């Protein structure tokens, strides 16, 4: 049940912070397009995902949390991105998978180290 909760929370990070924004911003002076995400959205998503990983590491342990978080976020991302017209969503999915795996591994490792140092054991 804890793993399901971690998966739902990880997917919710994608949907709450980023999935809804599909509009690119165009600079009227230069015509350069950017986006669709603003920096505050990406930061909010990353911080929320870090909280999920910390809580998951305490509840499930580091390895299980990294696997569940990475897969849940990547699947949530893929659900939205698979409708992309360019057909490159699989490349993006691989990059998201690797990025979330690296980031969640780092957060889980630090969390596990803090728990060990405090004498608290992760699940």
PDB file of N, CA and C in Angstrom:
ATOM      1  N   UNK A   1       0.820  -1.199   0.000  1.00  0.00           N
ATOM      2  CA  UNK A   1       0.000   0.000   0.000  1.00  0.00           C
ATOM      3  C   UNK A   1       0.868   1.268   0.000  1.00  0.00           C
ATOM      4  N   UNK A   2       1.991   1.212   0.734  1.00  0.00           N
ATOM      5  CA  UNK A   2       2.880   2.382   0.760  1.00  0.00           C
ATOM      6  C   UNK A   2       3.468   2.663  -0.614  1.00  0.00           C
ATOM      7  N   UNK A   3       3.819   1.604  -1.328  1.00  0.00           N
ATOM      8  CA  UNK A   3       4.383   1.775  -2.669  1.00  0.00           C
ATOM      9  C   UNK A   3       3.368   2.414  -3.608  1.00  0.00           C
ATOM     10  N   UNK A   4       2.123   2.028  -3.480  1.00  0.00           N
ATOM     11  CA  UNK A   4       1.062   2.624  -4.307  1.00  0.00           C
ATOM     12  C   UNK A   4       0.925   4.110  -3.992  1.00  0.00           C
ATOM     13  N   UNK A   5       0.986   4.453  -2.726  1.00  0.00           N
ATOM     14  CA  UNK A   5       0.896   5.858  -2.330  1.00  0.00           C
ATOM     15  C   UNK A   5       2.064   6.662  -2.897  1.00  0.00           C
ATOM     16  N   UNK A   6       3.271   6.114  -2.824  1.00  0.00           N
ATOM     17  CA  UNK A   6       4.442   6.798  -3.389  1.00  0.00           C
ATOM     18  C   UNK A   6       4.259   6.967  -4.897  1.00  0.00           C
ATOM     19  N   UNK A   7       3.767   5.945  -5.571  1.00  0.00           N
ATOM     20  CA  UNK A   7       3.542   6.024  -7.018  1.00  0.00           C
ATOM     21  C   UNK A   7       2.517   7.100  -7.362  1.00  0.00           C
ATOM     22  N   UNK A   8       1.431   7.134  -6.628  1.00  0.00           N
ATOM     23  CA  UNK A   8       0.386   8.140  -6.877  1.00  0.00           C
ATOM     24  C   UNK A   8       0.931   9.547  -6.639  1.00  0.00           C
ATOM     25  N   UNK A   9       1.683   9.720  -5.572  1.00  0.00           N
ATOM     26  CA  UNK A   9       2.246  11.042  -5.272  1.00  0.00           C
ATOM     27  C   UNK A   9       3.268  11.469  -6.327  1.00  0.00           C
ATOM     28  N   UNK A  10       4.087  10.538  -6.796  1.00  0.00           N
ATOM     29  CA  UNK A  10       5.075  10.863  -7.831  1.00  0.00           C
ATOM     30  C   UNK A  10       4.379  11.277  -9.126  1.00  0.00           C
ATOM     31  N   UNK A  11       3.366  10.531  -9.520  1.00  0.00           N
ATOM     32  CA  UNK A  11       2.612  10.884 -10.728  1.00  0.00           C
ATOM     33  C   UNK A  11       1.891  12.214 -10.540  1.00  0.00           C
ATOM     34  N   UNK A  12       1.378  12.439  -9.347  1.00  0.00           N
ATOM     35  CA  UNK A  12       0.679  13.697  -9.055  1.00  0.00           C
ATOM     36  C   UNK A  12       1.608  14.897  -9.205  1.00  0.00           C
ATOM     37  N   UNK A  13       2.892  14.715  -8.914  1.00  0.00           N
ATOM     38  CA  UNK A  13       3.853  15.817  -9.101  1.00  0.00           C
ATOM     39  C   UNK A  13       3.865  16.263 -10.559  1.00  0.00           C
ATOM     40  N   UNK A  14       3.862  15.312 -11.479  1.00  0.00           N
ATOM     41  CA  UNK A  14       3.838  15.658 -12.897  1.00  0.00           C
ATOM     42  C   UNK A  14       2.544  16.380 -13.268  1.00  0.00           C
ATOM     43  N   UNK A  15       1.427  15.773 -12.894  1.00  0.00           N
ATOM     44  CA  UNK A  15       0.137  16.330 -13.305  1.00  0.00           C
ATOM     45  C   UNK A  15      -0.154  17.679 -12.648  1.00  0.00           C
ATOM     46  N   UNK A  16       0.220  17.839 -11.396  1.00  0.00           N
ATOM     47  CA  UNK A  16      -0.080  19.086 -10.681  1.00  0.00           C
ATOM     48  C   UNK A  16       0.782  20.252 -11.148  1.00  0.00           C
ATOM     49  N   UNK A  17       2.039  19.989 -11.434  1.00  0.00           N
ATOM     50  CA  UNK A  17       2.954  21.083 -11.738  1.00  0.00           C
ATOM     51  C   UNK A  17       3.154  21.347 -13.228  1.00  0.00           C
ATOM     52  N   UNK A  18       3.177  20.303 -14.050  1.00  0.00           N
ATOM     53  CA  UNK A  18       3.629  20.495 -15.427  1.00  0.00           C
ATOM     54  C   UNK A  18       2.668  20.053 -16.521  1.00  0.00           C
ATOM     55  N   UNK A  19       1.920  19.016 -16.309  1.00  0.00           N
ATOM     56  CA  UNK A  19       1.127  18.423 -17.398  1.00  0.00           C
ATOM     57  C   UNK A  19       0.103  19.378 -17.999  1.00  0.00           C
ATOM     58  N   UNK A  20      -0.399  20.279 -17.214  1.00  0.00           N
ATOM     59  CA  UNK A  20      -1.457  21.183 -17.678  1.00  0.00           C
ATOM     60  C   UNK A  20      -0.954  22.321 -18.556  1.00  0.00           C
ATOM     61  N   UNK A  21       0.336  22.591 -18.558  1.00  0.00           N
ATOM     62  CA  UNK A  21       0.870  23.739 -19.294  1.00  0.00           C
ATOM     63  C   UNK A  21       1.429  23.288 -20.640  1.00  0.00           C
ATOM     64  N   UNK A  22       0.747  23.612 -21.700  1.00  0.00           N
ATOM     65  CA  UNK A  22       1.203  23.233 -23.042  1.00  0.00           C
ATOM     66  C   UNK A  22       1.422  24.455 -23.935  1.00  0.00           C
ATOM     67  N   UNK A  23       1.388  25.640 -23.355  1.00  0.00           N
ATOM     68  CA  UNK A  23       1.504  26.875 -24.123  1.00  0.00           C
ATOM     69  C   UNK A  23       2.947  27.383 -24.121  1.00  0.00           C
ATOM     70  N   UNK A  24       3.462  27.614 -25.304  1.00  0.00           N
ATOM     71  CA  UNK A  24       4.798  28.191 -25.425  1.00  0.00           C
ATOM     72  C   UNK A  24       4.699  29.708 -25.370  1.00  0.00           C
ATOM     73  N   UNK A  25       5.700  30.339 -24.796  1.00  0.00           N
ATOM     74  CA  UNK A  25       5.744  31.794 -24.722  1.00  0.00           C
ATOM     75  C   UNK A  25       6.638  32.299 -25.859  1.00  0.00           C
ATOM     76  N   UNK A  26       6.176  33.337 -26.546  1.00  0.00           N
ATOM     77  CA  UNK A  26       6.947  33.916 -27.643  1.00  0.00           C
ATOM     78  C   UNK A  26       7.314  35.343 -27.274  1.00  0.00           C
ATOM     79  N   UNK A  27       8.601  35.634 -27.336  1.00  0.00           N
ATOM     80  CA  UNK A  27       9.090  36.983 -27.066  1.00  0.00           C
ATOM     81  C   UNK A  27       8.715  37.861 -28.258  1.00  0.00           C
ATOM     82  N   UNK A  28       7.906  38.906 -28.037  1.00  0.00           N
ATOM     83  CA  UNK A  28       7.461  39.742 -29.161  1.00  0.00           C
ATOM     84  C   UNK A  28       8.606  40.486 -29.846  1.00  0.00           C
ATOM     85  N   UNK A  29       9.667  40.774 -29.109  1.00  0.00           N
ATOM     86  CA  UNK A  29      10.778  41.524 -29.694  1.00  0.00           C
ATOM     87  C   UNK A  29      11.654  40.649 -30.584  1.00  0.00           C
ATOM     88  N   UNK A  30      11.912  39.422 -30.144  1.00  0.00           N
ATOM     89  CA  UNK A  30      12.834  38.557 -30.883  1.00  0.00           C
ATOM     90  C   UNK A  30      12.136  37.440 -31.649  1.00  0.00           C
ATOM     91  N   UNK A  31      10.920  37.121 -31.246  1.00  0.00           N
ATOM     92  CA  UNK A  31      10.212  36.011 -31.868  1.00  0.00           C
ATOM     93  C   UNK A  31      10.648  34.651 -31.356  1.00  0.00           C
ATOM     94  N   UNK A  32      11.538  34.648 -30.369  1.00  0.00           N
ATOM     95  CA  UNK A  32      12.035  33.384 -29.808  1.00  0.00           C
ATOM     96  C   UNK A  32      10.970  32.751 -28.917  1.00  0.00           C
ATOM     97  N   UNK A  33      10.779  31.465 -29.111  1.00  0.00           N
ATOM     98  CA  UNK A  33       9.797  30.729 -28.305  1.00  0.00           C
ATOM     99  C   UNK A  33      10.508  30.016 -27.163  1.00  0.00           C
ATOM    100  N   UNK A  34       9.846  29.949 -26.028  1.00  0.00           N
ATOM    101  CA  UNK A  34      10.372  29.202 -24.887  1.00  0.00           C
ATOM    102  C   UNK A  34       9.212  28.507 -24.201  1.00  0.00           C
ATOM    103  N   UNK A  35       9.568  27.534 -23.400  1.00  0.00           N
ATOM    104  CA  UNK A  35       8.520  26.844 -22.647  1.00  0.00           C
ATOM    105  C   UNK A  35       8.371  25.415 -23.088  1.00  0.00           C
ATOM    106  N   UNK A  36       7.266  24.808 -22.767  1.00  0.00           N
ATOM    107  CA  UNK A  36       6.069  25.440 -22.240  1.00  0.00           C
ATOM    108  C   UNK A  36       6.121  25.715 -20.741  1.00  0.00           C
ATOM    109  N   UNK A  37       7.120  25.194 -20.053  1.00  0.00           N
ATOM    110  CA  UNK A  37       7.129  25.320 -18.592  1.00  0.00           C
ATOM    111  C   UNK A  37       7.912  26.542 -18.147  1.00  0.00           C
ATOM    112  N   UNK A  38       7.438  27.143 -17.075  1.00  0.00           N
ATOM    113  CA  UNK A  38       8.151  28.245 -16.434  1.00  0.00           C
ATOM    114  C   UNK A  38       9.089  27.647 -15.390  1.00  0.00           C
ATOM    115  N   UNK A  39      10.108  28.400 -15.024  1.00  0.00           N
ATOM    116  CA  UNK A  39      11.087  27.907 -14.046  1.00  0.00           C
ATOM    117  C   UNK A  39      10.433  27.554 -12.716  1.00  0.00           C
ATOM    118  N   UNK A  40       9.451  28.345 -12.278  1.00  0.00           N
ATOM    119  CA  UNK A  40       8.808  28.080 -10.991  1.00  0.00           C
ATOM    120  C   UNK A  40       8.067  26.751 -10.999  1.00  0.00           C
ATOM    121  N   UNK A  41       7.535  26.354 -12.168  1.00  0.00           N
ATOM    122  CA  UNK A  41       6.833  25.076 -12.256  1.00  0.00           C
ATOM    123  C   UNK A  41       7.810  23.909 -12.121  1.00  0.00           C
ATOM    124  N   UNK A  42       8.920  23.997 -12.819  1.00  0.00           N
ATOM    125  CA  UNK A  42       9.918  22.928 -12.776  1.00  0.00           C
ATOM    126  C   UNK A  42      10.503  22.815 -11.372  1.00  0.00           C
ATOM    127  N   UNK A  43      10.798  23.945 -10.760  1.00  0.00           N
ATOM    128  CA  UNK A  43      11.324  23.939  -9.396  1.00  0.00           C
ATOM    129  C   UNK A  43      10.309  23.346  -8.423  1.00  0.00           C
ATOM    130  N   UNK A  44       9.062  23.748  -8.537  1.00  0.00           N
ATOM    131  CA  UNK A  44       8.016  23.204  -7.672  1.00  0.00           C
ATOM    132  C   UNK A  44       7.863  21.706  -7.843  1.00  0.00           C
ATOM    133  N   UNK A  45       7.925  21.239  -9.081  1.00  0.00           N
ATOM    134  CA  UNK A  45       7.815  19.809  -9.354  1.00  0.00           C
ATOM    135  C   UNK A  45       9.003  19.058  -8.754  1.00  0.00           C
ATOM    136  N   UNK A  46      10.204  19.576  -8.964  1.00  0.00           N
ATOM    137  CA  UNK A  46      11.403  18.914  -8.437  1.00  0.00           C
ATOM    138  C   UNK A  46      11.394  18.865  -6.915  1.00  0.00           C
ATOM    139  N   UNK A  47      11.020  19.961  -6.285  1.00  0.00           N
ATOM    140  CA  UNK A  47      10.973  19.977  -4.818  1.00  0.00           C
ATOM    141  C   UNK A  47       9.892  19.042  -4.283  1.00  0.00           C
ATOM    142  N   UNK A  48       8.744  19.020  -4.933  1.00  0.00           N
ATOM    143  CA  UNK A  48       7.669  18.114  -4.516  1.00  0.00           C
ATOM    144  C   UNK A  48       8.092  16.660  -4.678  1.00  0.00           C
ATOM    145  N   UNK A  49       8.751  16.366  -5.780  1.00  0.00           N
ATOM    146  CA  UNK A  49       9.225  15.009  -6.013  1.00  0.00           C
ATOM    147  C   UNK A  49      10.290  14.624  -4.985  1.00  0.00           C
ATOM    148  N   UNK A  50      11.132  15.578  -4.606  1.00  0.00           N
ATOM    149  CA  UNK A  50      12.135  15.312  -3.568  1.00  0.00           C
ATOM    150  C   UNK A  50      11.467  14.970  -2.241  1.00  0.00           C
ATOM    151  N   UNK A  51      10.394  15.671  -1.906  1.00  0.00           N
ATOM    152  CA  UNK A  51       9.653  15.370  -0.671  1.00  0.00           C
ATOM    153  C   UNK A  51       9.072  13.961  -0.740  1.00  0.00           C
ATOM    154  N   UNK A  52       8.532  13.595  -1.888  1.00  0.00           N
ATOM    155  CA  UNK A  52       7.989  12.241  -2.066  1.00  0.00           C
ATOM    156  C   UNK A  52       9.092  11.204  -1.860  1.00  0.00           C
ATOM    157  N   UNK A  53      10.270  11.464  -2.399  1.00  0.00           N
ATOM    158  CA  UNK A  53      11.385  10.520  -2.260  1.00  0.00           C
ATOM    159  C   UNK A  53      11.842  10.419  -0.807  1.00  0.00           C
ATOM    160  N   UNK A  54      11.929  11.536  -0.116  1.00  0.00           N
ATOM    161  CA  UNK A  54      12.315  11.501   1.303  1.00  0.00           C
ATOM    162  C   UNK A  54      11.310  10.675   2.096  1.00  0.00           C
ATOM    163  N   UNK A  55      10.036  10.974   1.945  1.00  0.00           N
ATOM    164  CA  UNK A  55       9.000  10.240   2.680  1.00  0.00           C
ATOM    165  C   UNK A  55       8.969   8.773   2.272  1.00  0.00           C
ATOM    166  N   UNK A  56       9.136   8.517   0.989  1.00  0.00           N
ATOM    167  CA  UNK A  56       9.160   7.139   0.508  1.00  0.00           C
ATOM    168  C   UNK A  56      10.340   6.363   1.042  1.00  0.00           C
ATOM    169  N   UNK A  57      11.491   7.004   1.122  1.00  0.00           N
ATOM    170  CA  UNK A  57      12.680   6.338   1.652  1.00  0.00           C
ATOM    171  C   UNK A  57      12.477   5.951   3.103  1.00  0.00           C
ATOM    172  N   UNK A  58      11.848   6.816   3.859  1.00  0.00           N
ATOM    173  CA  UNK A  58      11.548   6.501   5.262  1.00  0.00           C
ATOM    174  C   UNK A  58      10.567   5.330   5.340  1.00  0.00           C
ATOM    175  N   UNK A  59       9.564   5.326   4.469  1.00  0.00           N
ATOM    176  CA  UNK A  59       8.501   4.319   4.543  1.00  0.00           C
ATOM    177  C   UNK A  59       8.838   3.001   3.846  1.00  0.00           C
ATOM    178  N   UNK A  60       9.566   3.071   2.722  1.00  0.00           N
ATOM    179  CA  UNK A  60       9.811   1.879   1.903  1.00  0.00           C
ATOM    180  C   UNK A  60      11.263   1.448   1.832  1.00  0.00           C
ATOM    181  N   UNK A  61      12.158   2.373   2.101  1.00  0.00           N
ATOM    182  CA  UNK A  61      13.573   2.132   1.847  1.00  0.00           C
ATOM    183  C   UNK A  61      13.969   2.804   0.541  1.00  0.00           C
ATOM    184  N   UNK A  62      15.255   3.003   0.371  1.00  0.00           N
ATOM    185  CA  UNK A  62      15.761   3.784  -0.756  1.00  0.00           C
ATOM    186  C   UNK A  62      15.520   3.110  -2.104  1.00  0.00           C
ATOM    187  N   UNK A  63      15.886   1.850  -2.235  1.00  0.00           N
ATOM    188  CA  UNK A  63      15.781   1.190  -3.543  1.00  0.00           C
ATOM    189  C   UNK A  63      14.355   1.149  -4.060  1.00  0.00           C
ATOM    190  N   UNK A  64      13.446   0.706  -3.226  1.00  0.00           N
ATOM    191  CA  UNK A  64      12.045   0.613  -3.652  1.00  0.00           C
ATOM    192  C   UNK A  64      11.502   1.987  -4.018  1.00  0.00           C
ATOM    193  N   UNK A  65      11.867   2.989  -3.240  1.00  0.00           N
ATOM    194  CA  UNK A  65      11.382   4.341  -3.513  1.00  0.00           C
ATOM    195  C   UNK A  65      11.899   4.861  -4.844  1.00  0.00           C
ATOM    196  N   UNK A  66      13.169   4.645  -5.119  1.00  0.00           N
ATOM    197  CA  UNK A  66      13.740   5.109  -6.390  1.00  0.00           C
ATOM    198  C   UNK A  66      13.036   4.441  -7.567  1.00  0.00           C
ATOM    199  N   UNK A  67      12.839   3.145  -7.489  1.00  0.00           N
ATOM    200  CA  UNK A  67      12.183   2.421  -8.582  1.00  0.00           C
ATOM    201  C   UNK A  67      10.742   2.895  -8.768  1.00  0.00           C
ATOM    202  N   UNK A  68       9.988   2.944  -7.684  1.00  0.00           N
ATOM    203  CA  UNK A  68       8.572   3.325  -7.768  1.00  0.00           C
ATOM    204  C   UNK A  68       8.420   4.766  -8.240  1.00  0.00           C
ATOM    205  N   UNK A  69       9.187   5.671  -7.668  1.00  0.00           N
ATOM    206  CA  UNK A  69       9.098   7.086  -8.041  1.00  0.00           C
ATOM    207  C   UNK A  69       9.471   7.293  -9.505  1.00  0.00           C
ATOM    208  N   UNK A  70      10.561   6.695  -9.919  1.00  0.00           N
ATOM    209  CA  UNK A  70      11.027   6.856 -11.294  1.00  0.00           C
ATOM    210  C   UNK A  70      10.004   6.331 -12.292  1.00  0.00           C
ATOM    211  N   UNK A  71       9.520   5.126 -12.065  1.00  0.00           N
ATOM    212  CA  UNK A  71       8.557   4.541 -13.000  1.00  0.00           C
ATOM    213  C   UNK A  71       7.236   5.300 -13.012  1.00  0.00           C
ATOM    214  N   UNK A  72       6.739   5.666 -11.851  1.00  0.00           N
ATOM    215  CA  UNK A  72       5.451   6.369 -11.787  1.00  0.00           C
ATOM    216  C   UNK A  72       5.524   7.731 -12.472  1.00  0.00           C
ATOM    217  N   UNK A  73       6.584   8.486 -12.221  1.00  0.00           N
ATOM    218  CA  UNK A  73       6.714   9.802 -12.839  1.00  0.00           C
ATOM    219  C   UNK A  73       6.887   9.664 -14.351  1.00  0.00           C
ATOM    220  N   UNK A  74       7.721   8.715 -14.781  1.00  0.00           N
ATOM    221  CA  UNK A  74       7.960   8.529 -16.214  1.00  0.00           C
ATOM    222  C   UNK A  74       6.695   8.072 -16.941  1.00  0.00           C
ATOM    223  N   UNK A  75       5.923   7.202 -16.325  1.00  0.00           N
ATOM    224  CA  UNK A  75       4.667   6.765 -16.942  1.00  0.00           C
ATOM    225  C   UNK A  75       3.684   7.932 -17.023  1.00  0.00           C
ATOM    226  N   UNK A  76       3.580   8.704 -15.954  1.00  0.00           N
ATOM    227  CA  UNK A  76       2.691   9.873 -15.966  1.00  0.00           C
ATOM    228  C   UNK A  76       3.115  10.850 -17.061  1.00  0.00           C
ATOM    229  N   UNK A  77       4.408  11.093 -17.183  1.00  0.00           N
ATOM    230  CA  UNK A  77       4.929  11.976 -18.223  1.00  0.00           C
ATOM    231  C   UNK A  77       4.589  11.420 -19.603  1.00  0.00           C
ATOM    232  N   UNK A  78       4.766  10.121 -19.775  1.00  0.00           N
ATOM    233  CA  UNK A  78       4.536   9.479 -21.069  1.00  0.00           C
ATOM    234  C   UNK A  78       3.076   9.533 -21.497  1.00  0.00           C
ATOM    235  N   UNK A  79       2.169   9.454 -20.547  1.00  0.00           N
ATOM    236  CA  UNK A  79       0.738   9.538 -20.866  1.00  0.00           C
ATOM    237  C   UNK A  79       0.437  10.862 -21.559  1.00  0.00           C
ATOM    238  N   UNK A  80       1.024  11.924 -21.066  1.00  0.00           N
ATOM    239  CA  UNK A  80       0.810  13.246 -21.656  1.00  0.00           C
ATOM    240  C   UNK A  80       1.627  13.423 -22.929  1.00  0.00           C
ATOM    241  N   UNK A  81       2.879  13.027 -22.893  1.00  0.00           N
ATOM    242  CA  UNK A  81       3.792  13.296 -24.001  1.00  0.00           C
ATOM    243  C   UNK A  81       3.542  12.423 -25.222  1.00  0.00           C
ATOM    244  N   UNK A  82       2.924  11.285 -25.053  1.00  0.00           N
ATOM    245  CA  UNK A  82       2.725  10.380 -26.190  1.00  0.00           C
ATOM    246  C   UNK A  82       1.805  10.969 -27.256  1.00  0.00           C
ATOM    247  N   UNK A  83       1.127  12.040 -26.938  1.00  0.00           N
ATOM    248  CA  UNK A  83       0.274  12.717 -27.919  1.00  0.00           C
ATOM    249  C   UNK A  83       1.041  13.772 -28.716  1.00  0.00           C
ATOM    250  N   UNK A  84       2.329  13.899 -28.458  1.00  0.00           N
ATOM    251  CA  UNK A  84       3.169  14.872 -29.148  1.00  0.00           C
ATOM    252  C   UNK A  84       3.196  14.591 -30.651  1.00  0.00           C
ATOM    253  N   UNK A  85       3.127  15.634 -31.437  1.00  0.00           N
ATOM    254  CA  UNK A  85       3.067  15.500 -32.891  1.00  0.00           C
ATOM    255  C   UNK A  85       4.407  15.160 -33.527  1.00  0.00           C
ATOM    256  N   UNK A  86       5.514  15.418 -32.843  1.00  0.00           N
ATOM    257  CA  UNK A  86       6.827  15.187 -33.436  1.00  0.00           C
ATOM    258  C   UNK A  86       7.213  13.719 -33.457  1.00  0.00           C
ATOM    259  N   UNK A  87       6.616  12.922 -32.601  1.00  0.00           N
ATOM    260  CA  UNK A  87       6.970  11.512 -32.530  1.00  0.00           C
ATOM    261  C   UNK A  87       8.234  11.241 -31.740  1.00  0.00           C
ATOM    262  N   UNK A  88       8.761  12.250 -31.092  1.00  0.00           N
ATOM    263  CA  UNK A  88      10.003  12.093 -30.330  1.00  0.00           C
ATOM    264  C   UNK A  88       9.767  11.845 -28.846  1.00  0.00           C
ATOM    265  N   UNK A  89       8.544  11.542 -28.467  1.00  0.00           N
ATOM    266  CA  UNK A  89       8.242  11.412 -27.045  1.00  0.00           C
ATOM    267  C   UNK A  89       9.007  10.271 -26.389  1.00  0.00           C
ATOM    268  N   UNK A  90       9.355   9.232 -27.148  1.00  0.00           N
ATOM    269  CA  UNK A  90      10.113   8.119 -26.554  1.00  0.00           C
ATOM    270  C   UNK A  90      11.512   8.574 -26.133  1.00  0.00           C
ATOM    271  N   UNK A  91      12.105   9.465 -26.900  1.00  0.00           N
ATOM    272  CA  UNK A  91      13.409  10.017 -26.528  1.00  0.00           C
ATOM    273  C   UNK A  91      13.263  10.806 -25.236  1.00  0.00           C
ATOM    274  N   UNK A  92      12.227  11.631 -25.174  1.00  0.00           N
ATOM    275  CA  UNK A  92      11.956  12.388 -23.958  1.00  0.00           C
ATOM    276  C   UNK A  92      11.673  11.486 -22.781  1.00  0.00           C
ATOM    277  N   UNK A  93      10.937  10.400 -23.019  1.00  0.00           N
ATOM    278  CA  UNK A  93      10.619   9.460 -21.937  1.00  0.00           C
ATOM    279  C   UNK A  93      11.889   8.843 -21.369  1.00  0.00           C
ATOM    280  N   UNK A  94      12.823   8.507 -22.244  1.00  0.00           N
ATOM    281  CA  UNK A  94      14.098   7.949 -21.778  1.00  0.00           C
ATOM    282  C   UNK A  94      14.868   8.978 -20.956  1.00  0.00           C
ATOM    283  N   UNK A  95      14.878  10.218 -21.419  1.00  0.00           N
ATOM    284  CA  UNK A  95      15.572  11.276 -20.678  1.00  0.00           C
ATOM    285  C   UNK A  95      14.909  11.538 -19.327  1.00  0.00           C
ATOM    286  N   UNK A  96      13.581  11.535 -19.300  1.00  0.00           N
ATOM    287  CA  UNK A  96      12.859  11.709 -18.031  1.00  0.00           C
ATOM    288  C   UNK A  96      13.171  10.549 -17.096  1.00  0.00           C
ATOM    289  N   UNK A  97      13.154   9.335 -17.625  1.00  0.00           N
ATOM    290  CA  UNK A  97      13.438   8.145 -16.826  1.00  0.00           C
ATOM    291  C   UNK A  97      14.826   8.232 -16.192  1.00  0.00           C
ATOM    292  N   UNK A  98      15.823   8.575 -16.987  1.00  0.00           N
ATOM    293  CA  UNK A  98      17.190   8.679 -16.474  1.00  0.00           C
ATOM    294  C   UNK A  98      17.307   9.839 -15.488  1.00  0.00           C
ATOM    295  N   UNK A  99      16.741  10.983 -15.832  1.00  0.00           N
ATOM    296  CA  UNK A  99      16.829  12.150 -14.955  1.00  0.00           C
ATOM    297  C   UNK A  99      16.180  11.934 -13.605  1.00  0.00           C
ATOM    298  N   UNK A 100      14.986  11.357 -13.607  1.00  0.00           N
ATOM    299  CA  UNK A 100      14.296  11.102 -12.339  1.00  0.00           C
ATOM    300  C   UNK A 100      15.034  10.024 -11.556  1.00  0.00           C
ATOM    301  N   UNK A 101      15.563   9.023 -12.245  1.00  0.00           N
ATOM    302  CA  UNK A 101      16.321   7.974 -11.555  1.00  0.00           C
ATOM    303  C   UNK A 101      17.556   8.552 -10.867  1.00  0.00           C
ATOM    304  N   UNK A 102      18.281   9.397 -11.567  1.00  0.00           N
ATOM    305  CA  UNK A 102      19.488  10.003 -10.988  1.00  0.00           C
ATOM    306  C   UNK A 102      19.124  10.917  -9.820  1.00  0.00           C
ATOM    307  N   UNK A 103      18.145  11.779 -10.030  1.00  0.00           N
ATOM    308  CA  UNK A 103      17.739  12.706  -8.971  1.00  0.00           C
ATOM    309  C   UNK A 103      17.180  12.003  -7.753  1.00  0.00           C
ATOM    310  N   UNK A 104      16.301  11.023  -7.976  1.00  0.00           N
ATOM    311  CA  UNK A 104      15.705  10.327  -6.834  1.00  0.00           C
ATOM    312  C   UNK A 104      16.727   9.451  -6.122  1.00  0.00           C
ATOM    313  N   UNK A 105      17.692   8.911  -6.858  1.00  0.00           N
ATOM    314  CA  UNK A 105      18.760   8.139  -6.219  1.00  0.00           C
ATOM    315  C   UNK A 105      19.582   9.033  -5.301  1.00  0.00           C
ATOM    316  N   UNK A 106      19.897  10.228  -5.762  1.00  0.00           N
ATOM    317  CA  UNK A 106      20.672  11.157  -4.931  1.00  0.00           C
ATOM    318  C   UNK A 106      19.908  11.542  -3.672  1.00  0.00           C
ATOM    319  N   UNK A 107      18.635  11.879  -3.822  1.00  0.00           N
ATOM    320  CA  UNK A 107      17.827  12.274  -2.658  1.00  0.00           C
ATOM    321  C   UNK A 107      17.652  11.100  -1.704  1.00  0.00           C
ATOM    322  N   UNK A 108      17.393   9.916  -2.241  1.00  0.00           N
ATOM    323  CA  UNK A 108      17.214   8.734  -1.394  1.00  0.00           C
ATOM    324  C   UNK A 108      18.508   8.373  -0.668  1.00  0.00           C
ATOM    325  N   UNK A 109      19.646   8.517  -1.339  1.00  0.00           N
ATOM    326  CA  UNK A 109      20.931   8.203  -0.707  1.00  0.00           C
ATOM    327  C   UNK A 109      21.219   9.149   0.453  1.00  0.00           C
ATOM    328  N   UNK A 110      20.978  10.424   0.246  1.00  0.00           N
ATOM    329  CA  UNK A 110      21.185  11.395   1.328  1.00  0.00           C
ATOM    330  C   UNK A 110      20.224  11.118   2.477  1.00  0.00           C
ATOM    331  N   UNK A 111      18.974  10.838   2.149  1.00  0.00           N
ATOM    332  CA  UNK A 111      17.978  10.545   3.187  1.00  0.00           C
ATOM    333  C   UNK A 111      18.369   9.305   3.978  1.00  0.00           C
ATOM    334  N   UNK A 112      18.774   8.246   3.285  1.00  0.00           N
ATOM    335  CA  UNK A 112      19.183   7.010   3.964  1.00  0.00           C
ATOM    336  C   UNK A 112      20.405   7.247   4.844  1.00  0.00           C
ATOM    337  N   UNK A 113      21.345   8.065   4.371  1.00  0.00           N
ATOM    338  CA  UNK A 113      22.539   8.371   5.167  1.00  0.00           C
ATOM    339  C   UNK A 113      22.169   9.135   6.434  1.00  0.00           C
ATOM    340  N   UNK A 114      21.261  10.084   6.311  1.00  0.00           N
ATOM    341  CA  UNK A 114      20.805  10.841   7.488  1.00  0.00           C
ATOM    342  C   UNK A 114      20.105   9.908   8.466  1.00  0.00           C
ATOM    343  N   UNK A 115      19.273   9.021   7.962  1.00  0.00           N
ATOM    344  CA  UNK A 115      18.573   8.070   8.833  1.00  0.00           C
ATOM    345  C   UNK A 115      19.559   7.152   9.553  1.00  0.00           C
ATOM    346  N   UNK A 116      20.572   6.677   8.837  1.00  0.00           N
ATOM    347  CA  UNK A 116      21.593   5.824   9.471  1.00  0.00           C
ATOM    348  C   UNK A 116      22.355   6.588  10.543  1.00  0.00           C
ATOM    349  N   UNK A 117      22.710   7.807  10.235  1.00  0.00           N
ATOM    350  CA  UNK A 117      23.478   8.608  11.188  1.00  0.00           C
ATOM    351  C   UNK A 117      22.674   8.883  12.459  1.00  0.00           C
ATOM    352  N   UNK A 118      21.376   9.063  12.307  1.00  0.00           N
ATOM    353  CA  UNK A 118      20.508   9.318  13.461  1.00  0.00           C
ATOM    354  C   UNK A 118      20.158   8.031  14.199  1.00  0.00           C
ATOM    355  N   UNK A 119      20.499   6.905  13.608  1.00  0.00           N
ATOM    356  CA  UNK A 119      20.158   5.639  14.235  1.00  0.00           C
ATOM    357  C   UNK A 119      18.748   5.191  13.923  1.00  0.00           C
ATOM    358  N   UNK A 120      18.108   5.886  12.988  1.00  0.00           N
ATOM    359  CA  UNK A 120      16.764   5.523  12.561  1.00  0.00           C
ATOM    360  C   UNK A 120      16.911   4.640  11.339  1.00  0.00           C
ATOM    361  N   UNK A 121      16.124   3.629  11.273  1.00  0.00           N
ATOM    362  CA  UNK A 121      16.239   2.733  10.140  1.00  0.00           C
ATOM    363  C   UNK A 121      15.071   2.930   9.181  1.00  0.00           C
ATOM    364  N   UNK A 122      15.392   3.037   7.897  1.00  0.00           N
ATOM    365  CA  UNK A 122      14.335   3.121   6.883  1.00  0.00           C
ATOM    366  C   UNK A 122      13.660   1.764   6.779  1.00  0.00           C
ATOM    367  N   UNK A 123      12.458   1.761   6.283  1.00  0.00           N
ATOM    368  CA  UNK A 123      11.690   0.508   6.157  1.00  0.00           C
ATOM    369  C   UNK A 123      12.408  -0.492   5.293  1.00  0.00           C
TER     370      UNK A 123
END
